[in-house]
Amino acid sequence: MHASPTIAPLFDRIHNALSTSPHVPNRQVRVEAAEGHVVLKGNVTSFFEKQMAQEAIRRVDGVRLIDNLLEVTWA
């Protein structure tokens, strides 16, 4: 029997991808994930950071769909 990946390892992989990206303010990004569908929430300070957060997790194993709901707020 082949075990499917659990949600916790997906969160770990997403967290690792976001925290190792130099362009993403990880502490300001919240992640929800279920069955490969990932939702990014929170605030960032530029459209570049918003895009880089999405790009950081695009190739994470187990991520199939990304809803980028990050809001750009000017400091």
Protein backbone atom coordinates (compact mmCIF):
# COMPACT_ATOMS: atom_id res chain seq x y z
CA MET A 1 0.00 0.00 0.00
CA HIS A 2 1.35 3.42 -0.99
CA ALA A 3 0.93 6.13 1.63
CA SER A 4 -0.12 9.52 0.34
CA PRO A 5 1.71 12.58 1.64
CA THR A 6 0.12 14.13 4.71
CA ILE A 7 -0.73 17.78 5.12
CA ALA A 8 2.01 18.48 7.69
CA PRO A 9 4.90 17.67 5.33
CA LEU A 10 3.29 19.90 2.68
CA PHE A 11 3.23 22.77 5.17
CA ASP A 12 6.87 22.02 6.02
CA ARG A 13 7.88 22.12 2.35
CA ILE A 14 5.95 25.36 1.77
CA HIS A 15 7.39 26.97 4.90
CA ASN A 16 10.90 25.96 3.85
CA ALA A 17 10.43 27.40 0.34
CA LEU A 18 9.11 30.70 1.71
CA SER A 19 11.69 31.03 4.49
CA THR A 20 14.63 30.38 2.16
CA SER A 21 13.52 32.93 -0.41
CA PRO A 22 15.36 36.23 0.07
CA HIS A 23 12.44 38.10 -1.53
CA VAL A 24 9.61 36.97 0.74
CA PRO A 25 8.84 38.51 4.16
CA ASN A 26 7.95 35.09 5.60
CA ARG A 27 6.60 36.38 8.89
CA GLN A 28 3.93 38.37 7.04
CA VAL A 29 2.68 35.50 4.87
CA ARG A 30 0.07 33.05 6.17
CA VAL A 31 -0.49 29.76 4.37
CA GLU A 32 -3.52 27.51 4.19
CA ALA A 33 -3.21 24.21 2.34
CA ALA A 34 -5.45 21.25 1.68
CA GLU A 35 -5.08 18.53 -0.93
CA GLY A 36 -2.56 20.51 -2.98
CA HIS A 37 -4.60 23.74 -2.95
CA VAL A 38 -2.57 26.51 -1.29
CA VAL A 39 -3.89 29.91 -0.26
CA LEU A 40 -1.44 32.71 0.52
CA LYS A 41 -2.78 35.43 2.84
CA GLY A 42 -1.31 38.41 4.61
CA ASN A 43 0.34 41.69 3.69
CA VAL A 44 3.47 42.46 1.73
CA THR A 45 5.00 45.80 0.79
CA SER A 46 5.29 45.37 -2.98
CA PHE A 47 3.84 43.55 -5.95
CA PHE A 48 7.30 42.01 -6.40
CA GLU A 49 7.09 40.36 -2.94
CA LYS A 50 3.58 39.11 -3.76
CA GLN A 51 4.79 37.49 -6.97
CA MET A 52 7.95 36.09 -5.38
CA ALA A 53 5.91 34.39 -2.63
CA GLN A 54 3.90 32.61 -5.31
CA GLU A 55 6.98 31.71 -7.32
CA ALA A 56 8.73 30.37 -4.20
CA ILE A 57 6.09 27.67 -3.75
CA ARG A 58 5.14 27.03 -7.38
CA ARG A 59 7.44 24.00 -7.71
CA VAL A 60 6.98 22.60 -4.20
CA ASP A 61 6.08 18.92 -4.39
CA GLY A 62 2.38 18.52 -3.62
CA VAL A 63 1.31 22.05 -4.62
CA ARG A 64 -1.23 21.88 -7.44
CA LEU A 65 -3.12 25.16 -7.20
CA ILE A 66 -2.17 28.52 -5.67
CA ASP A 67 -4.58 31.31 -4.72
CA ASN A 68 -2.44 34.35 -4.05
CA LEU A 69 -4.58 36.56 -1.82
CA LEU A 70 -1.64 38.56 -0.48
CA GLU A 71 -2.43 42.27 -0.21
CA VAL A 72 0.09 44.93 -1.07
CA THR A 73 0.16 47.65 1.58
CA TRP A 74 2.46 50.61 1.29
CA ALA A 75 4.29 51.33 4.53
